[in-house]
N, C-alpha and C. Protein backbone atom coordinates (compact mmCIF):
# COMPACT_ATOMS: atom_id res chain seq x y z
N MET A 1 -10.61 5.68 12.35
CA MET A 1 -11.23 5.56 13.44
C MET A 1 -11.91 4.01 13.58
N ILE A 2 -11.97 3.41 14.80
CA ILE A 2 -12.19 1.94 14.95
C ILE A 2 -13.19 1.96 16.36
N TYR A 3 -13.91 1.05 15.48
CA TYR A 3 -15.03 0.68 17.07
C TYR A 3 -14.44 -0.57 17.98
N GLN A 4 -14.44 -0.32 19.15
CA GLN A 4 -14.08 -1.57 20.20
C GLN A 4 -15.59 -2.02 20.54
N PHE A 5 -15.69 -3.57 20.54
CA PHE A 5 -16.65 -4.12 21.17
C PHE A 5 -16.47 -5.02 21.85
N HIS A 6 -17.45 -5.49 22.76
CA HIS A 6 -17.45 -6.53 24.06
C HIS A 6 -18.47 -7.86 23.52
N ILE A 7 -18.28 -9.11 22.91
CA ILE A 7 -19.38 -9.79 22.67
C ILE A 7 -19.19 -10.93 22.97
N THR A 8 -20.39 -11.33 24.19
CA THR A 8 -20.44 -12.33 24.89
C THR A 8 -21.68 -13.31 24.58
N LEU A 9 -21.44 -14.61 24.26
CA LEU A 9 -22.45 -15.74 24.32
C LEU A 9 -23.23 -15.55 25.17
N LYS A 10 -24.51 -15.53 24.91
CA LYS A 10 -25.29 -15.17 26.22
C LYS A 10 -25.21 -16.33 26.94
N LYS A 11 -25.96 -16.91 28.11
CA LYS A 11 -26.05 -17.70 28.88
C LYS A 11 -24.94 -18.81 28.91
N SER A 12 -23.90 -18.91 28.35
CA SER A 12 -22.74 -19.68 28.25
C SER A 12 -21.83 -19.96 29.47
N ASP A 13 -21.65 -21.15 30.13
CA ASP A 13 -20.78 -21.36 31.21
C ASP A 13 -19.90 -22.63 30.87
N PRO A 14 -18.71 -22.26 30.85
CA PRO A 14 -17.93 -20.85 31.32
C PRO A 14 -18.25 -19.65 30.27
N LEU A 15 -18.21 -18.54 30.76
CA LEU A 15 -18.47 -17.56 29.85
C LEU A 15 -17.81 -17.55 28.29
N VAL A 16 -18.08 -17.40 27.05
CA VAL A 16 -17.73 -17.22 25.86
C VAL A 16 -17.58 -15.72 25.39
N TRP A 17 -16.31 -15.07 25.04
CA TRP A 17 -16.99 -13.54 24.90
C TRP A 17 -15.48 -13.50 24.11
N ARG A 18 -15.53 -12.24 23.03
CA ARG A 18 -14.79 -11.85 22.69
C ARG A 18 -14.54 -9.96 22.62
N ARG A 19 -13.19 -9.27 22.56
CA ARG A 19 -13.08 -8.07 22.37
C ARG A 19 -12.58 -7.93 21.40
N ILE A 20 -13.19 -7.43 20.17
CA ILE A 20 -13.01 -7.06 18.97
C ILE A 20 -13.12 -5.44 18.77
N ALA A 21 -12.22 -5.28 17.53
CA ALA A 21 -12.10 -3.67 16.99
C ALA A 21 -12.09 -3.98 15.44
N VAL A 22 -13.19 -3.15 15.01
CA VAL A 22 -13.51 -3.32 13.57
C VAL A 22 -13.02 -1.73 13.17
N PRO A 23 -13.03 -1.61 11.79
CA PRO A 23 -13.07 -0.03 10.83
C PRO A 23 -14.21 0.83 11.13
N ALA A 24 -14.32 1.69 11.54
CA ALA A 24 -15.41 2.61 11.33
C ALA A 24 -16.40 2.46 10.38
N ASP A 25 -15.54 2.12 9.29
CA ASP A 25 -16.57 2.01 8.25
C ASP A 25 -17.26 0.86 7.58
N TYR A 26 -16.79 -0.17 8.72
CA TYR A 26 -17.86 -1.29 8.19
C TYR A 26 -19.17 -1.50 8.44
N ASN A 27 -19.79 -2.14 7.74
CA ASN A 27 -21.15 -2.47 7.59
C ASN A 27 -21.53 -3.45 8.46
N LEU A 28 -22.94 -3.75 8.94
CA LEU A 28 -23.35 -5.13 10.03
C LEU A 28 -22.79 -5.96 9.28
N TYR A 29 -23.08 -6.38 8.09
CA TYR A 29 -22.98 -7.67 7.25
C TYR A 29 -20.99 -7.54 7.53
N GLN A 30 -20.26 -7.07 7.63
CA GLN A 30 -18.73 -6.93 7.91
C GLN A 30 -18.74 -7.16 9.52
N LEU A 31 -19.38 -6.71 10.22
CA LEU A 31 -19.18 -6.86 11.64
C LEU A 31 -20.20 -8.67 11.87
N HIS A 32 -21.09 -8.64 11.16
CA HIS A 32 -21.57 -10.05 11.53
C HIS A 32 -20.11 -11.00 11.15
N MET A 33 -19.45 -10.94 9.55
CA MET A 33 -18.23 -11.51 9.84
C MET A 33 -16.79 -11.71 10.63
N ALA A 34 -17.01 -10.20 10.99
CA ALA A 34 -15.77 -10.45 12.00
C ALA A 34 -16.25 -11.51 13.44
N ILE A 35 -17.56 -11.21 13.54
CA ILE A 35 -18.10 -11.99 14.89
C ILE A 35 -17.93 -13.51 14.52
N GLN A 36 -18.13 -13.72 13.65
CA GLN A 36 -17.70 -15.38 12.81
C GLN A 36 -16.58 -15.63 13.19
N GLY A 37 -15.39 -15.10 12.71
CA GLY A 37 -13.91 -15.32 12.59
C GLY A 37 -13.36 -15.10 14.11
N ALA A 38 -14.08 -14.49 14.99
CA ALA A 38 -13.67 -14.12 16.54
C ALA A 38 -14.18 -15.14 17.45
N PHE A 39 -15.44 -15.75 16.80
CA PHE A 39 -16.00 -16.89 17.68
C PHE A 39 -15.78 -18.40 16.77
N GLY A 40 -15.09 -18.47 15.98
CA GLY A 40 -14.80 -19.63 14.53
C GLY A 40 -15.80 -19.99 14.31
N TRP A 41 -17.23 -19.51 14.28
CA TRP A 41 -18.38 -19.77 13.56
C TRP A 41 -17.88 -20.15 12.29
N GLU A 42 -18.54 -20.50 11.47
CA GLU A 42 -18.47 -20.48 9.66
C GLU A 42 -19.23 -20.11 8.97
N ASN A 43 -20.21 -19.61 8.84
CA ASN A 43 -21.38 -18.72 8.33
C ASN A 43 -22.05 -19.50 7.47
N SER A 44 -22.29 -20.47 8.30
CA SER A 44 -23.40 -21.51 7.72
C SER A 44 -24.37 -21.52 7.64
N HIS A 45 -25.20 -20.49 8.24
CA HIS A 45 -26.38 -19.97 8.94
C HIS A 45 -26.86 -18.45 8.82
N LEU A 46 -27.99 -18.28 9.26
CA LEU A 46 -28.52 -16.90 8.87
C LEU A 46 -28.17 -16.52 10.30
N PHE A 47 -28.27 -14.98 10.11
CA PHE A 47 -28.08 -14.41 11.52
C PHE A 47 -28.81 -13.01 11.48
N GLN A 48 -29.15 -12.63 12.64
CA GLN A 48 -29.31 -11.31 12.55
C GLN A 48 -29.15 -10.59 13.47
N PHE A 49 -29.22 -8.55 13.59
CA PHE A 49 -28.79 -7.85 14.62
C PHE A 49 -30.47 -7.13 15.03
N SER A 50 -29.96 -6.85 15.98
CA SER A 50 -31.69 -6.31 16.51
C SER A 50 -31.25 -5.95 18.02
N GLN A 51 -32.09 -4.63 18.36
CA GLN A 51 -31.74 -4.24 19.62
C GLN A 51 -32.21 -5.22 21.17
N THR A 52 -33.46 -5.80 20.93
CA THR A 52 -33.20 -7.01 22.13
C THR A 52 -33.43 -8.26 22.09
N GLY A 53 -33.46 -8.71 20.72
CA GLY A 53 -33.67 -10.41 20.14
C GLY A 53 -34.74 -10.79 19.44
N TYR A 54 -35.46 -11.69 19.51
CA TYR A 54 -36.29 -12.23 18.74
C TYR A 54 -37.64 -11.61 18.75
N MET A 55 -38.07 -10.74 19.79
CA MET A 55 -39.24 -10.08 19.88
C MET A 55 -39.21 -8.55 18.53
N ASP A 56 -38.32 -8.32 18.67
CA ASP A 56 -38.39 -6.85 17.66
C ASP A 56 -38.86 -7.06 16.68
N LYS A 57 -39.40 -6.31 16.30
CA LYS A 57 -40.33 -6.02 14.44
C LYS A 57 -39.34 -5.51 13.43
N ILE A 58 -38.22 -5.17 13.87
CA ILE A 58 -36.95 -4.84 12.90
C ILE A 58 -36.04 -5.34 13.22
N PHE A 59 -35.43 -5.83 12.01
CA PHE A 59 -34.08 -6.77 12.12
C PHE A 59 -33.16 -6.31 10.77
N TYR A 60 -31.51 -6.11 11.33
CA TYR A 60 -30.67 -6.22 10.35
C TYR A 60 -29.93 -7.60 10.22
N GLY A 61 -30.39 -7.81 8.54
CA GLY A 61 -29.51 -9.24 8.41
C GLY A 61 -29.70 -9.27 6.69
N TYR A 62 -30.52 -10.54 6.14
CA TYR A 62 -30.41 -10.60 4.56
C TYR A 62 -31.87 -10.28 4.33
N PRO A 63 -32.29 -8.85 3.35
CA PRO A 63 -33.30 -8.97 3.12
C PRO A 63 -34.27 -10.53 2.81
N GLY A 64 -35.64 -10.46 2.65
CA GLY A 64 -36.28 -11.68 2.31
C GLY A 64 -36.23 -12.78 3.15
N GLU A 65 -35.59 -12.69 4.33
CA GLU A 65 -35.93 -13.80 5.37
C GLU A 65 -37.03 -13.50 6.27
N ASP A 66 -37.67 -12.28 6.15
CA ASP A 66 -38.89 -12.30 6.35
C ASP A 66 -39.81 -13.51 6.86
N ILE A 67 -40.14 -13.60 7.64
CA ILE A 67 -41.31 -14.93 7.80
C ILE A 67 -42.69 -14.31 8.42
N ASP A 68 -42.53 -13.21 9.07
CA ASP A 68 -43.51 -12.77 9.51
C ASP A 68 -43.86 -11.45 9.03
N PRO A 69 -45.17 -11.32 8.33
CA PRO A 69 -45.05 -9.80 7.30
C PRO A 69 -45.25 -8.86 8.33
N GLU A 70 -45.17 -8.63 9.62
CA GLU A 70 -45.12 -7.64 10.58
C GLU A 70 -43.62 -7.19 11.13
N ILE A 71 -42.66 -8.05 10.61
CA ILE A 71 -41.73 -8.00 10.67
C ILE A 71 -40.81 -7.60 9.37
N THR A 72 -39.84 -6.37 9.82
CA THR A 72 -39.02 -5.66 8.70
C THR A 72 -37.43 -6.47 8.62
N THR A 73 -36.81 -6.95 7.90
CA THR A 73 -35.83 -7.17 8.31
C THR A 73 -34.62 -5.80 6.66
N ILE A 74 -33.87 -5.21 7.16
CA ILE A 74 -33.16 -4.40 6.94
C ILE A 74 -32.15 -4.97 6.28
N ASP A 75 -31.21 -4.71 5.09
CA ASP A 75 -30.13 -5.24 4.33
C ASP A 75 -29.33 -4.69 5.63
N ALA A 76 -27.93 -6.24 5.88
CA ALA A 76 -27.03 -5.54 6.83
C ALA A 76 -26.07 -4.75 6.09
N ARG A 77 -26.07 -4.93 4.80
CA ARG A 77 -24.67 -4.62 3.73
C ARG A 77 -24.60 -3.31 3.54
N LYS A 78 -26.03 -2.80 4.05
CA LYS A 78 -26.20 -1.68 3.57
C LYS A 78 -26.53 -0.09 4.92
N THR A 79 -26.02 -0.92 6.21
CA THR A 79 -26.22 -0.43 7.39
C THR A 79 -25.16 -0.28 7.87
N LYS A 80 -24.56 0.79 7.93
CA LYS A 80 -23.02 1.32 8.77
C LYS A 80 -23.32 1.05 10.15
N VAL A 81 -21.98 0.22 10.96
CA VAL A 81 -21.94 0.27 11.96
C VAL A 81 -22.12 1.32 13.24
N SER A 82 -21.71 2.21 12.02
CA SER A 82 -21.60 3.93 12.88
C SER A 82 -23.24 4.39 13.23
N ARG A 83 -24.00 3.90 12.19
CA ARG A 83 -25.34 4.20 12.44
C ARG A 83 -26.15 3.86 13.74
N ILE A 84 -25.82 2.35 14.03
CA ILE A 84 -26.36 1.90 14.86
C ILE A 84 -25.60 2.09 16.09
N PHE A 85 -24.46 2.32 16.43
CA PHE A 85 -23.66 2.20 17.66
C PHE A 85 -23.16 3.79 17.73
N LYS A 86 -23.58 4.57 18.42
CA LYS A 86 -23.62 6.03 18.59
C LYS A 86 -23.30 6.07 20.28
N LYS A 87 -23.39 5.31 20.69
CA LYS A 87 -22.89 5.86 22.38
C LYS A 87 -22.19 4.67 22.91
N GLU A 88 -21.16 4.87 23.76
CA GLU A 88 -20.10 3.84 24.48
C GLU A 88 -21.44 3.29 25.54
N GLY A 89 -21.07 1.85 25.67
CA GLY A 89 -21.95 0.97 26.72
C GLY A 89 -23.28 0.79 25.96
N GLN A 90 -23.62 0.97 24.66
CA GLN A 90 -24.78 0.82 23.74
C GLN A 90 -24.71 -0.61 24.09
N SER A 91 -25.92 -1.44 24.06
CA SER A 91 -25.84 -2.92 24.01
C SER A 91 -26.93 -3.27 22.79
N TYR A 92 -26.46 -4.22 21.67
CA TYR A 92 -27.29 -4.49 20.65
C TYR A 92 -27.34 -6.00 20.92
N CYS A 93 -28.24 -6.70 20.10
CA CYS A 93 -28.47 -8.26 20.18
C CYS A 93 -27.95 -9.00 19.00
N TYR A 94 -26.86 -9.94 18.84
CA TYR A 94 -26.62 -10.47 17.41
C TYR A 94 -26.96 -12.08 17.88
N ILE A 95 -28.06 -12.22 17.06
CA ILE A 95 -28.33 -13.98 16.70
C ILE A 95 -27.63 -14.78 15.70
N TYR A 96 -26.95 -15.69 15.78
CA TYR A 96 -26.86 -16.42 14.64
C TYR A 96 -27.22 -17.79 15.04
N ASP A 97 -27.43 -18.54 13.72
CA ASP A 97 -28.28 -19.89 13.80
C ASP A 97 -29.53 -20.04 14.26
N PHE A 98 -30.41 -19.41 13.76
CA PHE A 98 -31.64 -19.82 14.34
C PHE A 98 -32.32 -21.30 14.75
N GLY A 99 -31.50 -22.11 14.61
CA GLY A 99 -31.61 -23.61 15.13
C GLY A 99 -31.38 -23.51 16.31
N ASP A 100 -29.74 -23.27 16.63
CA ASP A 100 -29.16 -23.94 17.48
C ASP A 100 -29.24 -22.16 18.50
N SER A 101 -29.58 -21.37 17.80
CA SER A 101 -29.99 -20.26 18.56
C SER A 101 -28.81 -19.47 19.53
N TRP A 102 -27.64 -18.97 18.56
CA TRP A 102 -26.62 -18.79 19.38
C TRP A 102 -26.71 -17.01 19.16
N ASP A 103 -27.24 -16.84 20.94
CA ASP A 103 -27.68 -15.21 21.17
C ASP A 103 -26.58 -14.68 21.97
N HIS A 104 -26.14 -13.35 21.21
CA HIS A 104 -24.71 -13.08 21.81
C HIS A 104 -25.31 -11.48 21.93
N GLN A 105 -24.42 -10.68 23.16
CA GLN A 105 -24.95 -9.26 23.55
C GLN A 105 -23.50 -8.87 23.08
N ILE A 106 -23.59 -7.49 21.99
CA ILE A 106 -22.77 -7.09 21.54
C ILE A 106 -22.79 -5.38 22.71
N ILE A 107 -21.74 -4.92 23.32
CA ILE A 107 -21.66 -3.87 23.77
C ILE A 107 -20.58 -2.95 23.09
N PHE A 108 -21.06 -1.84 22.51
CA PHE A 108 -20.18 -0.95 22.03
C PHE A 108 -19.21 -0.07 23.42
N GLU A 109 -17.82 -0.54 23.21
CA GLU A 109 -17.17 0.09 24.28
C GLU A 109 -16.38 1.36 24.10
N LYS A 110 -16.02 1.53 22.75
CA LYS A 110 -15.51 2.99 22.73
C LYS A 110 -15.18 3.25 21.39
N LYS A 111 -15.16 4.47 20.57
CA LYS A 111 -14.21 4.59 19.53
C LYS A 111 -12.51 4.76 19.76
N LEU A 112 -12.06 4.38 19.01
CA LEU A 112 -10.36 4.87 19.17
C LEU A 112 -10.37 5.27 17.40
N ALA A 113 -9.35 6.58 18.01
CA ALA A 113 -8.73 7.52 16.67
C ALA A 113 -7.62 6.51 16.60
N LYS A 114 -7.68 5.31 15.61
CA LYS A 114 -6.36 4.73 14.83
C LYS A 114 -7.20 4.11 13.56
N ASP A 115 -6.23 3.52 12.86
CA ASP A 115 -6.49 3.34 11.75
C ASP A 115 -6.42 1.79 11.91
N LEU A 116 -7.33 1.08 11.16
CA LEU A 116 -7.46 -0.78 10.99
C LEU A 116 -7.56 -1.07 10.11
N ASN A 117 -7.36 -1.49 9.16
CA ASN A 117 -7.73 -2.23 7.73
C ASN A 117 -8.64 -3.56 8.03
N ALA A 118 -8.49 -4.20 8.82
CA ALA A 118 -9.07 -5.22 9.36
C ALA A 118 -9.53 -5.55 10.61
N PRO A 119 -10.57 -6.55 10.92
CA PRO A 119 -11.01 -6.65 12.35
C PRO A 119 -9.50 -7.46 13.03
N TYR A 120 -9.95 -7.32 14.38
CA TYR A 120 -8.65 -7.56 15.06
C TYR A 120 -9.48 -8.23 16.43
N CYS A 121 -8.86 -8.80 17.20
CA CYS A 121 -9.30 -9.30 18.40
C CYS A 121 -8.53 -9.06 19.11
N LEU A 122 -8.80 -8.41 20.34
CA LEU A 122 -7.88 -7.86 21.49
C LEU A 122 -8.12 -8.61 22.75
N ASP A 123 -9.11 -9.44 23.08
CA ASP A 123 -8.93 -10.27 23.97
C ASP A 123 -10.09 -11.25 24.07
N GLY A 124 -10.08 -12.04 24.84
CA GLY A 124 -11.51 -12.93 25.07
C GLY A 124 -11.43 -14.20 25.86
N LYS A 125 -12.13 -14.92 26.00
CA LYS A 125 -12.18 -16.08 26.75
C LYS A 125 -13.35 -17.40 26.37
N GLY A 126 -12.66 -18.49 26.54
CA GLY A 126 -13.44 -19.47 26.49
C GLY A 126 -13.76 -20.06 24.66
N ALA A 127 -13.84 -21.34 24.90
CA ALA A 127 -13.53 -21.91 23.21
C ALA A 127 -15.26 -21.62 22.66
N CYS A 128 -15.33 -21.45 21.68
CA CYS A 128 -16.76 -21.50 20.93
C CYS A 128 -17.09 -22.76 20.71
N PRO A 129 -18.61 -22.80 20.78
CA PRO A 129 -18.98 -24.12 20.82
C PRO A 129 -19.30 -24.30 19.20
N PRO A 130 -18.89 -25.71 18.60
CA PRO A 130 -18.79 -25.83 17.41
C PRO A 130 -20.14 -25.73 16.57
N GLU A 131 -20.12 -25.45 15.01
CA GLU A 131 -21.49 -25.58 14.68
C GLU A 131 -22.13 -26.61 14.60
N ASP A 132 -23.56 -26.80 14.40
CA ASP A 132 -24.54 -28.05 14.64
C ASP A 132 -24.71 -28.85 15.85
N VAL A 133 -23.74 -28.42 16.86
CA VAL A 133 -23.69 -29.22 18.02
C VAL A 133 -24.97 -28.93 18.64
N GLY A 134 -25.88 -28.33 18.47
CA GLY A 134 -27.41 -28.26 19.11
C GLY A 134 -27.84 -27.44 20.26
N GLY A 135 -26.98 -26.04 20.14
CA GLY A 135 -26.82 -25.11 20.98
C GLY A 135 -26.45 -25.20 22.07
N LEU A 136 -26.80 -24.42 23.22
CA LEU A 136 -25.88 -24.75 24.41
C LEU A 136 -26.19 -25.72 25.55
N PRO A 137 -27.24 -26.84 25.26
CA PRO A 137 -27.65 -27.55 25.79
C PRO A 137 -26.64 -29.02 24.93
N GLY A 138 -26.92 -28.77 23.49
CA GLY A 138 -25.80 -29.72 22.78
C GLY A 138 -24.21 -29.74 23.58
N TYR A 139 -24.07 -28.37 23.67
CA TYR A 139 -22.44 -28.29 23.70
C TYR A 139 -22.15 -28.76 25.27
N TYR A 140 -22.86 -28.04 25.97
CA TYR A 140 -23.05 -28.84 27.37
C TYR A 140 -22.69 -30.44 27.51
N GLU A 141 -23.31 -31.00 26.79
CA GLU A 141 -23.61 -32.25 26.80
C GLU A 141 -22.31 -32.75 26.04
N MET A 142 -21.54 -32.15 25.24
CA MET A 142 -20.80 -32.62 23.99
C MET A 142 -19.42 -32.47 25.31
N VAL A 143 -19.10 -31.21 25.76
CA VAL A 143 -18.44 -31.27 26.97
C VAL A 143 -18.29 -32.30 27.75
N LYS A 144 -19.26 -32.81 28.55
CA LYS A 144 -19.57 -33.46 29.59
C LYS A 144 -19.02 -34.85 29.14
N ILE A 145 -18.88 -35.44 28.15
CA ILE A 145 -18.74 -36.41 27.23
C ILE A 145 -17.66 -36.38 27.18
N LEU A 146 -16.56 -35.46 26.60
CA LEU A 146 -15.29 -35.51 26.40
C LEU A 146 -14.74 -35.29 27.42
N ASN A 147 -14.96 -35.33 28.57
CA ASN A 147 -14.49 -35.13 30.10
C ASN A 147 -14.89 -36.73 30.62
N LYS A 148 -15.40 -37.41 30.05
CA LYS A 148 -15.46 -38.56 30.98
C LYS A 148 -14.14 -39.40 30.36
N LYS A 149 -13.63 -40.38 31.31
CA LYS A 149 -12.69 -41.20 30.79
C LYS A 149 -13.08 -41.83 29.32
N SER A 150 -14.21 -42.66 29.30
CA SER A 150 -14.45 -43.62 28.54
C SER A 150 -16.24 -42.93 28.10
N HIS A 151 -16.79 -43.16 27.02
CA HIS A 151 -18.09 -42.70 26.58
C HIS A 151 -18.30 -43.39 24.99
N PRO A 152 -19.56 -43.95 24.58
CA PRO A 152 -19.35 -44.44 23.44
C PRO A 152 -19.45 -43.51 22.23
N GLU A 153 -19.68 -41.94 22.42
CA GLU A 153 -19.53 -41.12 21.62
C GLU A 153 -18.57 -40.28 21.34
N LYS A 154 -17.48 -40.38 22.59
CA LYS A 154 -16.43 -39.88 22.96
C LYS A 154 -15.25 -39.61 21.37
N ALA A 155 -15.26 -40.64 21.19
CA ALA A 155 -14.16 -41.12 19.83
C ALA A 155 -14.72 -39.77 18.70
N GLU A 156 -16.18 -40.28 18.59
CA GLU A 156 -16.98 -39.42 17.33
C GLU A 156 -16.62 -37.83 17.47
N TYR A 157 -17.10 -37.46 18.88
CA TYR A 157 -16.78 -35.93 18.79
C TYR A 157 -15.25 -35.62 18.74
N ILE A 158 -14.63 -36.38 19.29
CA ILE A 158 -12.78 -36.49 19.37
C ILE A 158 -12.77 -36.03 17.51
N GLN A 159 -12.94 -36.83 16.67
CA GLN A 159 -12.99 -37.05 14.83
C GLN A 159 -13.48 -35.73 14.66
N TRP A 160 -14.97 -35.41 15.34
CA TRP A 160 -15.79 -34.12 14.59
C TRP A 160 -15.16 -32.63 15.18
N LEU A 161 -14.56 -32.57 15.99
CA LEU A 161 -13.46 -31.76 16.54
C LEU A 161 -12.32 -31.27 15.80
N GLY A 162 -11.93 -32.40 15.27
CA GLY A 162 -10.40 -32.56 14.94
C GLY A 162 -9.42 -32.58 15.88
N LEU A 163 -9.30 -32.89 16.67
CA LEU A 163 -8.65 -33.19 17.91
C LEU A 163 -7.65 -34.53 17.59
N VAL A 164 -6.51 -34.30 17.57
CA VAL A 164 -5.68 -35.46 17.70
C VAL A 164 -5.48 -36.09 18.79
N ALA A 165 -4.66 -37.44 18.88
CA ALA A 165 -4.42 -38.34 19.99
C ALA A 165 -4.10 -37.62 21.19
N GLY A 166 -4.60 -37.58 22.14
CA GLY A 166 -4.01 -37.50 23.51
C GLY A 166 -4.66 -35.71 24.03
N GLU A 167 -4.81 -34.92 22.73
CA GLU A 167 -5.20 -33.54 23.08
C GLU A 167 -6.46 -33.86 23.39
N GLU A 168 -7.05 -32.40 24.53
CA GLU A 168 -8.35 -32.68 25.04
C GLU A 168 -8.61 -31.19 24.65
N TRP A 169 -10.38 -31.01 24.91
CA TRP A 169 -11.19 -29.88 24.70
C TRP A 169 -11.27 -29.45 26.00
N ASN A 170 -10.57 -28.01 25.75
CA ASN A 170 -10.49 -26.92 27.26
C ASN A 170 -11.68 -26.04 26.64
N ALA A 171 -12.79 -26.25 27.35
CA ALA A 171 -14.09 -25.28 27.44
C ALA A 171 -13.32 -23.54 27.79
N GLU A 172 -12.34 -23.57 28.47
CA GLU A 172 -12.58 -22.07 28.81
C GLU A 172 -11.26 -21.71 27.87
N PHE A 173 -10.49 -22.15 27.15
CA PHE A 173 -9.67 -21.73 26.63
C PHE A 173 -9.86 -20.97 24.98
N CYS A 174 -9.18 -19.90 24.61
CA CYS A 174 -9.32 -19.22 23.58
C CYS A 174 -7.76 -18.47 23.45
N SER A 175 -7.34 -18.97 21.80
CA SER A 175 -6.40 -18.45 21.41
C SER A 175 -6.55 -17.41 20.93
N ILE A 176 -5.90 -16.01 21.10
CA ILE A 176 -6.30 -14.67 20.62
C ILE A 176 -5.50 -14.94 19.07
N ARG A 177 -4.08 -15.68 19.11
CA ARG A 177 -3.42 -15.71 17.86
C ARG A 177 -3.84 -16.57 16.55
N GLU A 178 -4.44 -17.62 16.73
CA GLU A 178 -5.64 -18.31 15.99
C GLU A 178 -7.15 -17.30 15.91
N THR A 179 -7.47 -16.89 16.41
CA THR A 179 -8.71 -16.07 16.07
C THR A 179 -8.15 -15.18 15.41
N ASN A 180 -7.22 -14.20 15.66
CA ASN A 180 -6.46 -13.13 14.84
C ASN A 180 -6.19 -13.82 13.04
N LYS A 181 -5.31 -15.18 13.17
CA LYS A 181 -5.43 -15.45 12.09
C LYS A 181 -6.72 -15.85 11.25
N ARG A 182 -7.76 -16.16 11.58
CA ARG A 182 -8.98 -16.26 11.06
C ARG A 182 -9.53 -14.81 10.91
N LEU A 183 -9.50 -14.11 11.47
CA LEU A 183 -9.90 -12.40 11.07
C LEU A 183 -9.20 -12.22 9.95
N LEU A 184 -7.37 -12.31 9.79
CA LEU A 184 -7.11 -11.64 8.93
C LEU A 184 -7.43 -12.33 7.60
N LEU A 185 -7.87 -13.73 7.75
CA LEU A 185 -8.48 -14.49 5.90
C LEU A 185 -9.56 -14.23 5.88
N LEU A 186 -10.31 -13.20 6.76
CA LEU A 186 -12.02 -13.20 6.22
C LEU A 186 -11.60 -11.59 5.69
N ALA A 187 -10.49 -10.77 6.09
CA ALA A 187 -10.45 -9.68 5.46
C ALA A 187 -9.81 -9.58 3.94
N LYS A 188 -9.22 -10.67 3.77
CA LYS A 188 -8.33 -10.70 2.32
C LYS A 188 -9.89 -10.84 1.20
């Protein structure tokens, strides 16, 4: 059995989203890692799952992250995806990097009676912003600079992104093939 999700980086423009499938026996930490691979994140920051976002009193993440004594964090490694996602169309919130605040909406699309040993990306659109770019405002500023013929910071961004001479950043591009390579590496 596999679970299929549509995951969107909220407020991104152009919209950044991925459709992934994961084994039904995955826990929320494994789903977190699948999202990391699908979006190209590097798992360098904290994360949380919750029903609606920052205002919730119960989160799934790493225990001990509780800053507020009124907030409870449940261990994501001990919570099965199937325990949280029960109905098709159900929505959940995933936040990665509390500084940049990458806020995602997860929609549980369907269960499929297929076997899958590793997460798999079925579809997607939009380049994922790089780690530590400064949230969506920083990402938009980076894209604006990269689209200019010349700018004092352009060479720095090109080097930071690992682009080769003449290669351009395409904010709308998502390579499903490269995404699945990352996901396969995570599964090993």
